[in-house]
Amino acid sequence: MKDITIKHAQLEVDKWTTTKGVRYFNELTNLGILMEEVGEMARIMVRKYGEQSFKESDKGKDLADEMADVLWVLLCLANQTGTDLTDAFRKNFEKKNARDSERHKKNEKLK
């Protein structure tokens, strides 16, 4: 698959979900699934970059795949709630640039 935009990703997830996936789970179910996927990603992160050691059940788990699972469910929720993530992301950048353009440079903890 070639590089895709956020908008295209939303469209592809919708197409897959409404054909191969039959339909979306309801929003609350998808919220729960999102939390599960974030937990699976966190498990790998704390074992790879944190202080916990890997367990036998962690073998074969792929961080990139878990991140993609998180993104997938987030795209589902965006589709279900009528959220244009491209527009939302652009606005979020604008907010951060207005609010935080100098804030982190002045943070002594980051020096």
PDB file of N, CA and C in Angstrom:
ATOM      1  N   MET A   1       0.848  -1.181   0.000  1.00  0.00           N
ATOM      2  CA  MET A   1       0.000   0.000   0.000  1.00  0.00           C
ATOM      3  C   MET A   1       0.894   1.245   0.000  1.00  0.00           C
ATOM      4  N   LYS A   2       0.575   2.187  -0.864  1.00  0.00           N
ATOM      5  CA  LYS A   2       1.344   3.434  -0.935  1.00  0.00           C
ATOM      6  C   LYS A   2       1.024   4.312   0.269  1.00  0.00           C
ATOM      7  N   ASP A   3       1.788   5.396   0.420  1.00  0.00           N
ATOM      8  CA  ASP A   3       1.514   6.342   1.495  1.00  0.00           C
ATOM      9  C   ASP A   3       0.080   6.840   1.383  1.00  0.00           C
ATOM     10  N   ILE A   4      -0.575   6.986   2.522  1.00  0.00           N
ATOM     11  CA  ILE A   4      -1.957   7.450   2.505  1.00  0.00           C
ATOM     12  C   ILE A   4      -2.125   8.623   3.465  1.00  0.00           C
ATOM     13  N   THR A   5      -3.078   9.461   3.158  1.00  0.00           N
ATOM     14  CA  THR A   5      -3.407  10.579   4.027  1.00  0.00           C
ATOM     15  C   THR A   5      -4.325  10.087   5.139  1.00  0.00           C
ATOM     16  N   ILE A   6      -4.512  10.924   6.127  1.00  0.00           N
ATOM     17  CA  ILE A   6      -5.453  10.578   7.192  1.00  0.00           C
ATOM     18  C   ILE A   6      -6.850  10.431   6.602  1.00  0.00           C
ATOM     19  N   LYS A   7      -7.233  11.336   5.736  1.00  0.00           N
ATOM     20  CA  LYS A   7      -8.561  11.287   5.105  1.00  0.00           C
ATOM     21  C   LYS A   7      -8.742   9.972   4.344  1.00  0.00           C
ATOM     22  N   HIS A   8      -7.728   9.584   3.585  1.00  0.00           N
ATOM     23  CA  HIS A   8      -7.811   8.327   2.837  1.00  0.00           C
ATOM     24  C   HIS A   8      -7.882   7.141   3.795  1.00  0.00           C
ATOM     25  N   ALA A   9      -7.137   7.202   4.879  1.00  0.00           N
ATOM     26  CA  ALA A   9      -7.181   6.121   5.869  1.00  0.00           C
ATOM     27  C   ALA A   9      -8.591   5.992   6.441  1.00  0.00           C
ATOM     28  N   GLN A  10      -9.236   7.124   6.738  1.00  0.00           N
ATOM     29  CA  GLN A  10     -10.606   7.065   7.244  1.00  0.00           C
ATOM     30  C   GLN A  10     -11.536   6.416   6.224  1.00  0.00           C
ATOM     31  N   LEU A  11     -11.369   6.774   4.968  1.00  0.00           N
ATOM     32  CA  LEU A  11     -12.209   6.194   3.916  1.00  0.00           C
ATOM     33  C   LEU A  11     -11.968   4.697   3.767  1.00  0.00           C
ATOM     34  N   GLU A  12     -10.707   4.277   3.798  1.00  0.00           N
ATOM     35  CA  GLU A  12     -10.375   2.854   3.652  1.00  0.00           C
ATOM     36  C   GLU A  12     -10.891   2.031   4.830  1.00  0.00           C
ATOM     37  N   VAL A  13     -10.780   2.564   6.039  1.00  0.00           N
ATOM     38  CA  VAL A  13     -11.300   1.861   7.215  1.00  0.00           C
ATOM     39  C   VAL A  13     -12.814   1.735   7.103  1.00  0.00           C
ATOM     40  N   ASP A  14     -13.468   2.792   6.653  1.00  0.00           N
ATOM     41  CA  ASP A  14     -14.921   2.744   6.490  1.00  0.00           C
ATOM     42  C   ASP A  14     -15.307   1.699   5.443  1.00  0.00           C
ATOM     43  N   LYS A  15     -14.599   1.700   4.319  1.00  0.00           N
ATOM     44  CA  LYS A  15     -14.891   0.738   3.261  1.00  0.00           C
ATOM     45  C   LYS A  15     -14.718  -0.693   3.763  1.00  0.00           C
ATOM     46  N   TRP A  16     -13.614  -0.960   4.453  1.00  0.00           N
ATOM     47  CA  TRP A  16     -13.365  -2.302   4.965  1.00  0.00           C
ATOM     48  C   TRP A  16     -14.426  -2.696   5.994  1.00  0.00           C
ATOM     49  N   THR A  17     -14.689  -1.770   6.918  1.00  0.00           N
ATOM     50  CA  THR A  17     -15.622  -2.070   8.007  1.00  0.00           C
ATOM     51  C   THR A  17     -17.025  -2.359   7.499  1.00  0.00           C
ATOM     52  N   THR A  18     -17.459  -1.641   6.484  1.00  0.00           N
ATOM     53  CA  THR A  18     -18.829  -1.818   5.995  1.00  0.00           C
ATOM     54  C   THR A  18     -18.972  -2.925   4.949  1.00  0.00           C
ATOM     55  N   THR A  19     -17.853  -3.520   4.557  1.00  0.00           N
ATOM     56  CA  THR A  19     -17.932  -4.647   3.615  1.00  0.00           C
ATOM     57  C   THR A  19     -17.436  -5.917   4.292  1.00  0.00           C
ATOM     58  N   LYS A  20     -16.178  -5.998   4.543  1.00  0.00           N
ATOM     59  CA  LYS A  20     -15.607  -7.208   5.158  1.00  0.00           C
ATOM     60  C   LYS A  20     -15.952  -7.331   6.638  1.00  0.00           C
ATOM     61  N   GLY A  21     -16.038  -6.197   7.297  1.00  0.00           N
ATOM     62  CA  GLY A  21     -16.356  -6.207   8.724  1.00  0.00           C
ATOM     63  C   GLY A  21     -17.846  -6.190   8.999  1.00  0.00           C
ATOM     64  N   VAL A  22     -18.666  -6.098   7.993  1.00  0.00           N
ATOM     65  CA  VAL A  22     -20.127  -6.052   8.035  1.00  0.00           C
ATOM     66  C   VAL A  22     -20.640  -4.687   8.510  1.00  0.00           C
ATOM     67  N   ARG A  23     -20.245  -4.283   9.722  1.00  0.00           N
ATOM     68  CA  ARG A  23     -20.671  -2.984  10.256  1.00  0.00           C
ATOM     69  C   ARG A  23     -19.739  -2.601  11.406  1.00  0.00           C
ATOM     70  N   TYR A  24     -19.864  -1.365  11.829  1.00  0.00           N
ATOM     71  CA  TYR A  24     -19.094  -0.900  12.990  1.00  0.00           C
ATOM     72  C   TYR A  24     -19.691  -1.487  14.269  1.00  0.00           C
ATOM     73  N   PHE A  25     -18.820  -1.768  15.247  1.00  0.00           N
ATOM     74  CA  PHE A  25     -19.309  -1.986  16.601  1.00  0.00           C
ATOM     75  C   PHE A  25     -19.834  -0.630  17.066  1.00  0.00           C
ATOM     76  N   ASN A  26     -20.678  -0.609  18.097  1.00  0.00           N
ATOM     77  CA  ASN A  26     -21.152   0.700  18.545  1.00  0.00           C
ATOM     78  C   ASN A  26     -20.007   1.499  19.166  1.00  0.00           C
ATOM     79  N   GLU A  27     -20.233   2.773  19.343  1.00  0.00           N
ATOM     80  CA  GLU A  27     -19.169   3.684  19.792  1.00  0.00           C
ATOM     81  C   GLU A  27     -18.587   3.280  21.146  1.00  0.00           C
ATOM     82  N   LEU A  28     -19.429   2.884  22.071  1.00  0.00           N
ATOM     83  CA  LEU A  28     -18.905   2.498  23.387  1.00  0.00           C
ATOM     84  C   LEU A  28     -18.092   1.212  23.314  1.00  0.00           C
ATOM     85  N   THR A  29     -18.518   0.271  22.487  1.00  0.00           N
ATOM     86  CA  THR A  29     -17.733  -0.943  22.295  1.00  0.00           C
ATOM     87  C   THR A  29     -16.382  -0.585  21.696  1.00  0.00           C
ATOM     88  N   ASN A  30     -16.383   0.282  20.681  1.00  0.00           N
ATOM     89  CA  ASN A  30     -15.109   0.691  20.075  1.00  0.00           C
ATOM     90  C   ASN A  30     -14.232   1.465  21.047  1.00  0.00           C
ATOM     91  N   LEU A  31     -14.833   2.235  21.937  1.00  0.00           N
ATOM     92  CA  LEU A  31     -14.040   2.916  22.962  1.00  0.00           C
ATOM     93  C   LEU A  31     -13.344   1.891  23.853  1.00  0.00           C
ATOM     94  N   GLY A  32     -14.076   0.852  24.247  1.00  0.00           N
ATOM     95  CA  GLY A  32     -13.476  -0.219  25.044  1.00  0.00           C
ATOM     96  C   GLY A  32     -12.370  -0.936  24.289  1.00  0.00           C
ATOM     97  N   ILE A  33     -12.597  -1.195  23.006  1.00  0.00           N
ATOM     98  CA  ILE A  33     -11.569  -1.848  22.183  1.00  0.00           C
ATOM     99  C   ILE A  33     -10.342  -0.946  22.072  1.00  0.00           C
ATOM    100  N   LEU A  34     -10.560   0.364  21.927  1.00  0.00           N
ATOM    101  CA  LEU A  34      -9.432   1.301  21.867  1.00  0.00           C
ATOM    102  C   LEU A  34      -8.597   1.213  23.144  1.00  0.00           C
ATOM    103  N   MET A  35      -9.255   1.165  24.289  1.00  0.00           N
ATOM    104  CA  MET A  35      -8.531   1.073  25.560  1.00  0.00           C
ATOM    105  C   MET A  35      -7.746  -0.235  25.637  1.00  0.00           C
ATOM    106  N   GLU A  36      -8.338  -1.325  25.146  1.00  0.00           N
ATOM    107  CA  GLU A  36      -7.629  -2.609  25.117  1.00  0.00           C
ATOM    108  C   GLU A  36      -6.378  -2.512  24.246  1.00  0.00           C
ATOM    109  N   GLU A  37      -6.524  -1.914  23.079  1.00  0.00           N
ATOM    110  CA  GLU A  37      -5.393  -1.804  22.148  1.00  0.00           C
ATOM    111  C   GLU A  37      -4.292  -0.907  22.716  1.00  0.00           C
ATOM    112  N   VAL A  38      -4.687   0.174  23.364  1.00  0.00           N
ATOM    113  CA  VAL A  38      -3.686   1.043  24.007  1.00  0.00           C
ATOM    114  C   VAL A  38      -2.967   0.271  25.107  1.00  0.00           C
ATOM    115  N   GLY A  39      -3.704  -0.558  25.829  1.00  0.00           N
ATOM    116  CA  GLY A  39      -3.086  -1.383  26.869  1.00  0.00           C
ATOM    117  C   GLY A  39      -2.085  -2.372  26.300  1.00  0.00           C
ATOM    118  N   GLU A  40      -2.422  -2.978  25.153  1.00  0.00           N
ATOM    119  CA  GLU A  40      -1.496  -3.914  24.516  1.00  0.00           C
ATOM    120  C   GLU A  40      -0.236  -3.181  24.040  1.00  0.00           C
ATOM    121  N   MET A  41      -0.404  -1.983  23.523  1.00  0.00           N
ATOM    122  CA  MET A  41       0.745  -1.188  23.104  1.00  0.00           C
ATOM    123  C   MET A  41       1.594  -0.808  24.326  1.00  0.00           C
ATOM    124  N   ALA A  42       0.929  -0.411  25.392  1.00  0.00           N
ATOM    125  CA  ALA A  42       1.636  -0.031  26.618  1.00  0.00           C
ATOM    126  C   ALA A  42       2.432  -1.198  27.184  1.00  0.00           C
ATOM    127  N   ARG A  43       1.866  -2.386  27.124  1.00  0.00           N
ATOM    128  CA  ARG A  43       2.555  -3.574  27.635  1.00  0.00           C
ATOM    129  C   ARG A  43       3.900  -3.763  26.936  1.00  0.00           C
ATOM    130  N   ILE A  44       3.903  -3.626  25.626  1.00  0.00           N
ATOM    131  CA  ILE A  44       5.154  -3.766  24.876  1.00  0.00           C
ATOM    132  C   ILE A  44       6.112  -2.630  25.219  1.00  0.00           C
ATOM    133  N   MET A  45       5.589  -1.415  25.302  1.00  0.00           N
ATOM    134  CA  MET A  45       6.435  -0.253  25.599  1.00  0.00           C
ATOM    135  C   MET A  45       7.141  -0.388  26.956  1.00  0.00           C
ATOM    136  N   VAL A  46       6.387  -0.797  27.995  1.00  0.00           N
ATOM    137  CA  VAL A  46       7.002  -0.890  29.322  1.00  0.00           C
ATOM    138  C   VAL A  46       8.006  -2.028  29.412  1.00  0.00           C
ATOM    139  N   ARG A  47       7.848  -3.023  28.560  1.00  0.00           N
ATOM    140  CA  ARG A  47       8.812  -4.116  28.559  1.00  0.00           C
ATOM    141  C   ARG A  47      10.044  -3.772  27.718  1.00  0.00           C
ATOM    142  N   LYS A  48       9.833  -3.080  26.626  1.00  0.00           N
ATOM    143  CA  LYS A  48      10.956  -2.740  25.746  1.00  0.00           C
ATOM    144  C   LYS A  48      11.744  -1.529  26.254  1.00  0.00           C
ATOM    145  N   TYR A  49      11.031  -0.498  26.721  1.00  0.00           N
ATOM    146  CA  TYR A  49      11.684   0.749  27.106  1.00  0.00           C
ATOM    147  C   TYR A  49      11.648   1.004  28.607  1.00  0.00           C
ATOM    148  N   GLY A  50      10.804   0.286  29.324  1.00  0.00           N
ATOM    149  CA  GLY A  50      10.696   0.454  30.766  1.00  0.00           C
ATOM    150  C   GLY A  50      11.486  -0.607  31.511  1.00  0.00           C
ATOM    151  N   GLU A  51      11.098  -0.821  32.717  1.00  0.00           N
ATOM    152  CA  GLU A  51      11.870  -1.693  33.592  1.00  0.00           C
ATOM    153  C   GLU A  51      11.317  -3.108  33.715  1.00  0.00           C
ATOM    154  N   GLN A  52      10.161  -3.376  33.138  1.00  0.00           N
ATOM    155  CA  GLN A  52       9.618  -4.730  33.215  1.00  0.00           C
ATOM    156  C   GLN A  52      10.292  -5.632  32.193  1.00  0.00           C
ATOM    157  N   SER A  53      10.415  -6.892  32.566  1.00  0.00           N
ATOM    158  CA  SER A  53      10.986  -7.859  31.635  1.00  0.00           C
ATOM    159  C   SER A  53       9.871  -8.495  30.814  1.00  0.00           C
ATOM    160  N   PHE A  54      10.252  -9.031  29.659  1.00  0.00           N
ATOM    161  CA  PHE A  54       9.282  -9.694  28.792  1.00  0.00           C
ATOM    162  C   PHE A  54       8.850 -11.009  29.407  1.00  0.00           C
ATOM    163  N   LYS A  55       7.587 -11.353  29.202  1.00  0.00           N
ATOM    164  CA  LYS A  55       7.045 -12.646  29.606  1.00  0.00           C
ATOM    165  C   LYS A  55       6.953 -13.518  28.361  1.00  0.00           C
ATOM    166  N   GLU A  56       6.799 -14.798  28.569  1.00  0.00           N
ATOM    167  CA  GLU A  56       6.659 -15.723  27.445  1.00  0.00           C
ATOM    168  C   GLU A  56       5.498 -15.312  26.536  1.00  0.00           C
ATOM    169  N   SER A  57       4.413 -14.837  27.139  1.00  0.00           N
ATOM    170  CA  SER A  57       3.233 -14.444  26.364  1.00  0.00           C
ATOM    171  C   SER A  57       3.455 -13.174  25.533  1.00  0.00           C
ATOM    172  N   ASP A  58       4.550 -12.461  25.801  1.00  0.00           N
ATOM    173  CA  ASP A  58       4.859 -11.242  25.044  1.00  0.00           C
ATOM    174  C   ASP A  58       5.609 -11.540  23.750  1.00  0.00           C
ATOM    175  N   LYS A  59       6.129 -12.743  23.629  1.00  0.00           N
ATOM    176  CA  LYS A  59       6.926 -13.066  22.449  1.00  0.00           C
ATOM    177  C   LYS A  59       6.081 -12.985  21.186  1.00  0.00           C
ATOM    178  N   GLY A  60       6.661 -12.430  20.147  1.00  0.00           N
ATOM    179  CA  GLY A  60       5.977 -12.304  18.876  1.00  0.00           C
ATOM    180  C   GLY A  60       5.098 -11.075  18.768  1.00  0.00           C
ATOM    181  N   LYS A  61       4.989 -10.312  19.838  1.00  0.00           N
ATOM    182  CA  LYS A  61       4.198  -9.078  19.796  1.00  0.00           C
ATOM    183  C   LYS A  61       5.020  -7.996  19.112  1.00  0.00           C
ATOM    184  N   ASP A  62       4.364  -7.225  18.261  1.00  0.00           N
ATOM    185  CA  ASP A  62       5.050  -6.219  17.463  1.00  0.00           C
ATOM    186  C   ASP A  62       4.502  -4.839  17.811  1.00  0.00           C
ATOM    187  N   LEU A  63       5.381  -3.935  18.248  1.00  0.00           N
ATOM    188  CA  LEU A  63       4.969  -2.600  18.654  1.00  0.00           C
ATOM    189  C   LEU A  63       4.279  -1.855  17.513  1.00  0.00           C
ATOM    190  N   ALA A  64       4.835  -1.911  16.323  1.00  0.00           N
ATOM    191  CA  ALA A  64       4.235  -1.205  15.185  1.00  0.00           C
ATOM    192  C   ALA A  64       2.831  -1.722  14.905  1.00  0.00           C
ATOM    193  N   ASP A  65       2.635  -3.023  14.990  1.00  0.00           N
ATOM    194  CA  ASP A  65       1.315  -3.606  14.753  1.00  0.00           C
ATOM    195  C   ASP A  65       0.324  -3.139  15.819  1.00  0.00           C
ATOM    196  N   GLU A  66       0.767  -3.068  17.059  1.00  0.00           N
ATOM    197  CA  GLU A  66      -0.118  -2.599  18.132  1.00  0.00           C
ATOM    198  C   GLU A  66      -0.462  -1.121  17.939  1.00  0.00           C
ATOM    199  N   MET A  67       0.505  -0.326  17.497  1.00  0.00           N
ATOM    200  CA  MET A  67       0.218   1.086  17.209  1.00  0.00           C
ATOM    201  C   MET A  67      -0.793   1.205  16.073  1.00  0.00           C
ATOM    202  N   ALA A  68      -0.653   0.366  15.070  1.00  0.00           N
ATOM    203  CA  ALA A  68      -1.592   0.376  13.948  1.00  0.00           C
ATOM    204  C   ALA A  68      -2.992  -0.031  14.412  1.00  0.00           C
ATOM    205  N   ASP A  69      -3.084  -0.968  15.350  1.00  0.00           N
ATOM    206  CA  ASP A  69      -4.383  -1.349  15.908  1.00  0.00           C
ATOM    207  C   ASP A  69      -5.038  -0.156  16.607  1.00  0.00           C
ATOM    208  N   VAL A  70      -4.248   0.588  17.365  1.00  0.00           N
ATOM    209  CA  VAL A  70      -4.760   1.793  18.043  1.00  0.00           C
ATOM    210  C   VAL A  70      -5.283   2.787  17.004  1.00  0.00           C
ATOM    211  N   LEU A  71      -4.501   3.020  15.969  1.00  0.00           N
ATOM    212  CA  LEU A  71      -4.898   3.956  14.923  1.00  0.00           C
ATOM    213  C   LEU A  71      -6.177   3.491  14.230  1.00  0.00           C
ATOM    214  N   TRP A  72      -6.265   2.206  13.945  1.00  0.00           N
ATOM    215  CA  TRP A  72      -7.444   1.649  13.268  1.00  0.00           C
ATOM    216  C   TRP A  72      -8.721   1.967  14.047  1.00  0.00           C
ATOM    217  N   VAL A  73      -8.703   1.663  15.345  1.00  0.00           N
ATOM    218  CA  VAL A  73      -9.908   1.865  16.147  1.00  0.00           C
ATOM    219  C   VAL A  73     -10.194   3.361  16.309  1.00  0.00           C
ATOM    220  N   LEU A  74      -9.155   4.182  16.406  1.00  0.00           N
ATOM    221  CA  LEU A  74      -9.357   5.626  16.474  1.00  0.00           C
ATOM    222  C   LEU A  74     -10.015   6.129  15.186  1.00  0.00           C
ATOM    223  N   LEU A  75      -9.579   5.606  14.047  1.00  0.00           N
ATOM    224  CA  LEU A  75     -10.199   5.968  12.772  1.00  0.00           C
ATOM    225  C   LEU A  75     -11.660   5.518  12.731  1.00  0.00           C
ATOM    226  N   CYS A  76     -11.952   4.349  13.265  1.00  0.00           N
ATOM    227  CA  CYS A  76     -13.345   3.894  13.349  1.00  0.00           C
ATOM    228  C   CYS A  76     -14.180   4.872  14.163  1.00  0.00           C
ATOM    229  N   LEU A  77     -13.681   5.255  15.322  1.00  0.00           N
ATOM    230  CA  LEU A  77     -14.422   6.189  16.174  1.00  0.00           C
ATOM    231  C   LEU A  77     -14.607   7.541  15.496  1.00  0.00           C
ATOM    232  N   ALA A  78     -13.592   7.997  14.782  1.00  0.00           N
ATOM    233  CA  ALA A  78     -13.719   9.256  14.047  1.00  0.00           C
ATOM    234  C   ALA A  78     -14.825   9.141  13.005  1.00  0.00           C
ATOM    235  N   ASN A  79     -14.831   8.042  12.273  1.00  0.00           N
ATOM    236  CA  ASN A  79     -15.881   7.833  11.271  1.00  0.00           C
ATOM    237  C   ASN A  79     -17.266   7.805  11.909  1.00  0.00           C
ATOM    238  N   GLN A  80     -17.380   7.112  13.011  1.00  0.00           N
ATOM    239  CA  GLN A  80     -18.680   6.965  13.655  1.00  0.00           C
ATOM    240  C   GLN A  80     -19.215   8.270  14.222  1.00  0.00           C
ATOM    241  N   THR A  81     -18.316   9.153  14.628  1.00  0.00           N
ATOM    242  CA  THR A  81     -18.738  10.409  15.261  1.00  0.00           C
ATOM    243  C   THR A  81     -18.721  11.583  14.300  1.00  0.00           C
ATOM    244  N   GLY A  82     -18.438  11.304  13.019  1.00  0.00           N
ATOM    245  CA  GLY A  82     -18.426  12.368  12.024  1.00  0.00           C
ATOM    246  C   GLY A  82     -17.252  13.318  12.167  1.00  0.00           C
ATOM    247  N   THR A  83     -16.155  12.822  12.711  1.00  0.00           N
ATOM    248  CA  THR A  83     -14.968  13.645  12.924  1.00  0.00           C
ATOM    249  C   THR A  83     -14.024  13.536  11.742  1.00  0.00           C
ATOM    250  N   ASP A  84     -13.695  14.650  11.147  1.00  0.00           N
ATOM    251  CA  ASP A  84     -12.689  14.721  10.088  1.00  0.00           C
ATOM    252  C   ASP A  84     -11.344  14.879  10.784  1.00  0.00           C
ATOM    253  N   LEU A  85     -10.600  13.790  10.894  1.00  0.00           N
ATOM    254  CA  LEU A  85      -9.339  13.831  11.631  1.00  0.00           C
ATOM    255  C   LEU A  85      -8.287  14.709  10.962  1.00  0.00           C
ATOM    256  N   THR A  86      -8.344  14.861   9.649  1.00  0.00           N
ATOM    257  CA  THR A  86      -7.405  15.756   8.975  1.00  0.00           C
ATOM    258  C   THR A  86      -7.621  17.174   9.475  1.00  0.00           C
ATOM    259  N   ASP A  87      -8.870  17.610   9.488  1.00  0.00           N
ATOM    260  CA  ASP A  87      -9.203  18.954   9.961  1.00  0.00           C
ATOM    261  C   ASP A  87      -8.899  19.092  11.455  1.00  0.00           C
ATOM    262  N   ALA A  88      -9.255  18.076  12.225  1.00  0.00           N
ATOM    263  CA  ALA A  88      -9.008  18.119  13.668  1.00  0.00           C
ATOM    264  C   ALA A  88      -7.516  18.197  13.969  1.00  0.00           C
ATOM    265  N   PHE A  89      -6.707  17.442  13.224  1.00  0.00           N
ATOM    266  CA  PHE A  89      -5.262  17.439  13.436  1.00  0.00           C
ATOM    267  C   PHE A  89      -4.660  18.796  13.071  1.00  0.00           C
ATOM    268  N   ARG A  90      -5.131  19.369  11.969  1.00  0.00           N
ATOM    269  CA  ARG A  90      -4.670  20.688  11.551  1.00  0.00           C
ATOM    270  C   ARG A  90      -4.987  21.729  12.633  1.00  0.00           C
ATOM    271  N   LYS A  91      -6.207  21.699  13.146  1.00  0.00           N
ATOM    272  CA  LYS A  91      -6.614  22.638  14.198  1.00  0.00           C
ATOM    273  C   LYS A  91      -5.812  22.412  15.469  1.00  0.00           C
ATOM    274  N   ASN A  92      -5.491  21.154  15.755  1.00  0.00           N
ATOM    275  CA  ASN A  92      -4.709  20.842  16.943  1.00  0.00           C
ATOM    276  C   ASN A  92      -3.305  21.432  16.833  1.00  0.00           C
ATOM    277  N   PHE A  93      -2.710  21.354  15.642  1.00  0.00           N
ATOM    278  CA  PHE A  93      -1.408  21.980  15.412  1.00  0.00           C
ATOM    279  C   PHE A  93      -1.489  23.489  15.622  1.00  0.00           C
ATOM    280  N   GLU A  94      -2.539  24.089  15.082  1.00  0.00           N
ATOM    281  CA  GLU A  94      -2.716  25.540  15.249  1.00  0.00           C
ATOM    282  C   GLU A  94      -2.817  25.903  16.722  1.00  0.00           C
ATOM    283  N   LYS A  95      -3.575  25.113  17.475  1.00  0.00           N
ATOM    284  CA  LYS A  95      -3.726  25.347  18.918  1.00  0.00           C
ATOM    285  C   LYS A  95      -2.378  25.240  19.620  1.00  0.00           C
ATOM    286  N   LYS A  96      -1.636  24.189  19.308  1.00  0.00           N
ATOM    287  CA  LYS A  96      -0.332  23.998  19.948  1.00  0.00           C
ATOM    288  C   LYS A  96       0.641  25.114  19.576  1.00  0.00           C
ATOM    289  N   ASN A  97       0.626  25.533  18.311  1.00  0.00           N
ATOM    290  CA  ASN A  97       1.517  26.610  17.892  1.00  0.00           C
ATOM    291  C   ASN A  97       1.181  27.919  18.589  1.00  0.00           C
ATOM    292  N   ALA A  98      -0.089  28.194  18.801  1.00  0.00           N
ATOM    293  CA  ALA A  98      -0.501  29.420  19.474  1.00  0.00           C
ATOM    294  C   ALA A  98      -0.224  29.347  20.977  1.00  0.00           C
ATOM    295  N   ARG A  99      -0.498  28.220  21.575  1.00  0.00           N
ATOM    296  CA  ARG A  99      -0.394  28.077  23.021  1.00  0.00           C
ATOM    297  C   ARG A  99       1.008  27.715  23.497  1.00  0.00           C
ATOM    298  N   ASP A 100       1.704  26.868  22.741  1.00  0.00           N
ATOM    299  CA  ASP A 100       2.938  26.270  23.252  1.00  0.00           C
ATOM    300  C   ASP A 100       4.191  26.610  22.452  1.00  0.00           C
ATOM    301  N   SER A 101       4.131  27.623  21.590  1.00  0.00           N
ATOM    302  CA  SER A 101       5.282  27.874  20.711  1.00  0.00           C
ATOM    303  C   SER A 101       6.560  28.187  21.484  1.00  0.00           C
ATOM    304  N   GLU A 102       6.446  28.762  22.655  1.00  0.00           N
ATOM    305  CA  GLU A 102       7.632  29.081  23.464  1.00  0.00           C
ATOM    306  C   GLU A 102       7.659  28.320  24.780  1.00  0.00           C
ATOM    307  N   ARG A 103       6.559  27.738  25.155  1.00  0.00           N
ATOM    308  CA  ARG A 103       6.427  27.115  26.473  1.00  0.00           C
ATOM    309  C   ARG A 103       7.496  26.065  26.743  1.00  0.00           C
ATOM    310  N   HIS A 104       7.720  25.156  25.803  1.00  0.00           N
ATOM    311  CA  HIS A 104       8.653  24.069  26.060  1.00  0.00           C
ATOM    312  C   HIS A 104      10.102  24.542  26.016  1.00  0.00           C
ATOM    313  N   LYS A 105      10.379  25.578  25.244  1.00  0.00           N
ATOM    314  CA  LYS A 105      11.740  26.133  25.200  1.00  0.00           C
ATOM    315  C   LYS A 105      12.118  26.744  26.550  1.00  0.00           C
ATOM    316  N   LYS A 106      11.124  27.207  27.286  1.00  0.00           N
ATOM    317  CA  LYS A 106      11.360  27.840  28.585  1.00  0.00           C
ATOM    318  C   LYS A 106      11.321  26.844  29.743  1.00  0.00           C
ATOM    319  N   ASN A 107      11.018  25.603  29.467  1.00  0.00           N
ATOM    320  CA  ASN A 107      10.898  24.587  30.504  1.00  0.00           C
ATOM    321  C   ASN A 107      12.270  24.090  30.919  1.00  0.00           C
ATOM    322  N   GLU A 108      12.675  24.440  32.111  1.00  0.00           N
ATOM    323  CA  GLU A 108      13.991  24.037  32.624  1.00  0.00           C
ATOM    324  C   GLU A 108      14.158  22.523  32.700  1.00  0.00           C
ATOM    325  N   LYS A 109      13.050  21.811  32.866  1.00  0.00           N
ATOM    326  CA  LYS A 109      13.105  20.350  32.970  1.00  0.00           C
ATOM    327  C   LYS A 109      13.531  19.710  31.659  1.00  0.00           C
ATOM    328  N   LEU A 110      13.379  20.434  30.539  1.00  0.00           N
ATOM    329  CA  LEU A 110      13.717  19.877  29.235  1.00  0.00           C
ATOM    330  C   LEU A 110      15.126  20.242  28.783  1.00  0.00           C
ATOM    331  N   LYS A 111      15.836  20.997  29.579  1.00  0.00           N
ATOM    332  CA  LYS A 111      17.199  21.419  29.192  1.00  0.00           C
ATOM    333  C   LYS A 111      18.247  20.481  29.691  1.00  0.00           C
TER     334      LYS A 111
END
